[in-house]
Protein backbone atom coordinates (compact mmCIF):
# COMPACT_ATOMS: atom_id res chain seq x y z
CA MET A 1 61.43 -34.47 -20.86
CA PRO A 2 60.56 -31.69 -23.28
CA THR A 3 57.66 -29.43 -22.44
CA PRO A 4 54.84 -30.42 -24.78
CA PRO A 5 53.52 -27.66 -27.05
CA PRO A 6 50.51 -25.74 -25.66
CA PHE A 7 48.02 -27.30 -28.10
CA MET A 8 48.63 -30.67 -26.44
CA ARG A 9 47.15 -29.28 -23.20
CA THR A 10 44.07 -27.85 -24.94
CA CYS A 11 43.27 -30.96 -26.99
CA PRO A 12 41.27 -33.23 -24.65
CA GLN A 13 42.69 -36.47 -26.05
CA CYS A 14 46.30 -35.20 -26.00
CA ALA A 15 45.87 -33.97 -22.42
CA GLU A 16 44.36 -37.28 -21.32
CA LEU A 17 47.14 -39.31 -22.96
CA LEU A 18 49.85 -37.02 -21.52
CA GLY A 19 48.44 -37.51 -18.03
CA ALA A 20 48.26 -41.26 -18.54
CA LEU A 21 51.85 -41.25 -19.81
CA VAL A 22 53.12 -39.49 -16.67
CA GLU A 23 51.31 -42.06 -14.50
CA ALA A 24 52.67 -44.91 -16.63
CA PHE A 25 56.24 -43.64 -16.33
CA ALA A 26 55.81 -43.52 -12.54
CA GLN A 27 54.51 -47.09 -12.47
CA ALA A 28 57.30 -48.29 -14.78
CA LEU A 29 59.85 -47.04 -12.24
CA THR A 30 58.57 -49.55 -9.69
CA ASP A 31 57.52 -52.40 -11.98
CA PRO A 32 60.12 -53.43 -14.58
CA HIS A 33 57.57 -55.65 -16.38
CA TYR A 34 54.99 -52.90 -16.86
CA ASP A 35 54.71 -51.92 -20.53
CA GLY A 36 51.96 -49.34 -20.23
CA ALA A 37 54.30 -46.42 -20.84
CA GLU A 38 55.27 -47.85 -24.21
CA ARG A 39 51.67 -48.53 -25.21
CA ILE A 40 50.52 -45.03 -24.17
CA GLN A 41 53.35 -43.24 -25.99
CA ILE A 42 52.44 -45.19 -29.14
CA ALA A 43 48.79 -44.15 -28.75
CA LEU A 44 49.79 -40.51 -28.22
CA ALA A 45 52.12 -40.55 -31.22
CA ARG A 46 49.37 -42.08 -33.39
CA HIS A 47 46.85 -39.47 -32.22
CA LEU A 48 49.29 -36.66 -33.05
CA ALA A 49 50.09 -38.21 -36.43
CA ASP A 50 46.42 -38.59 -37.34
CA VAL A 51 44.80 -35.51 -35.78
CA HIS A 52 47.59 -32.93 -35.55
CA PRO A 53 49.90 -33.61 -38.54
CA GLN A 54 50.36 -29.87 -39.13
CA ALA A 55 51.99 -29.57 -35.69
CA LEU A 56 54.67 -32.19 -36.30
CA PRO A 57 58.27 -31.12 -36.73
CA ALA A 58 60.06 -31.60 -40.03
CA PRO A 59 62.04 -34.81 -40.53
CA HIS A 60 65.41 -34.84 -38.80
CA THR A 61 68.27 -33.62 -40.96
CA ASP A 62 71.13 -35.06 -38.94
CA GLY A 63 71.27 -38.52 -40.47
CA CYS A 64 68.47 -40.02 -38.38
CA PRO A 65 68.22 -43.66 -39.57
CA SER A 66 64.51 -43.88 -38.71
CA CYS A 67 63.65 -40.81 -40.78
CA ALA A 68 65.67 -42.17 -43.70
CA ARG A 69 64.01 -45.59 -43.50
CA TYR A 70 60.46 -44.22 -43.26
CA GLU A 71 61.01 -41.64 -46.00
CA GLU A 72 62.40 -44.33 -48.30
CA LEU A 73 59.34 -46.54 -47.74
CA ASP A 74 56.74 -43.77 -47.96
CA PRO A 75 57.43 -40.08 -47.22
CA ASP A 76 53.81 -39.64 -46.07
CA SER A 77 53.62 -42.77 -43.93
CA VAL A 78 51.94 -42.75 -40.56
CA PHE A 79 55.11 -44.36 -39.17
CA LEU A 80 57.21 -41.33 -40.11
CA ARG A 81 54.59 -39.01 -38.61
CA GLU A 82 54.50 -41.07 -35.40
CA HIS A 83 58.31 -41.01 -35.24
CA LEU A 84 58.31 -37.21 -35.56
CA ALA A 85 55.44 -36.86 -33.09
CA ARG A 86 57.39 -38.60 -30.33
CA GLY A 87 59.83 -35.70 -30.35
CA LEU A 88 57.04 -33.44 -29.09
CA PHE A 89 56.75 -35.24 -25.76
CA LEU A 90 59.81 -37.51 -25.30
CA PRO A 91 63.51 -36.67 -25.01
CA ASP A 92 65.50 -37.41 -28.18
CA GLU A 93 67.20 -40.49 -26.71
CA LEU A 94 63.75 -42.13 -26.33
CA ALA A 95 61.94 -40.49 -29.25
CA ARG A 96 64.52 -41.70 -31.75
CA LEU A 97 64.64 -45.34 -30.70
CA PRO A 98 63.98 -47.55 -33.73
């Protein structure tokens, strides 16, 4: 897991969602039917996309199919911002899932 940027620890909502995500990942390890980790990471990505868009990384330049699809639909879409936001707190193999 990447270390989230410092602003995510000082923003109360980011910090709360990060804590909830850690707890959800722990629960998901013991309950294969628990989907809370997915729901919380979506909520965190949406919060980052809406409240902290200036902190998001640039679109991937390595042929990322999700970036290409979202940019083709609307380069300023919330879906592209959410996709980029996931890279701030998830490893690439999870953050780049379609």
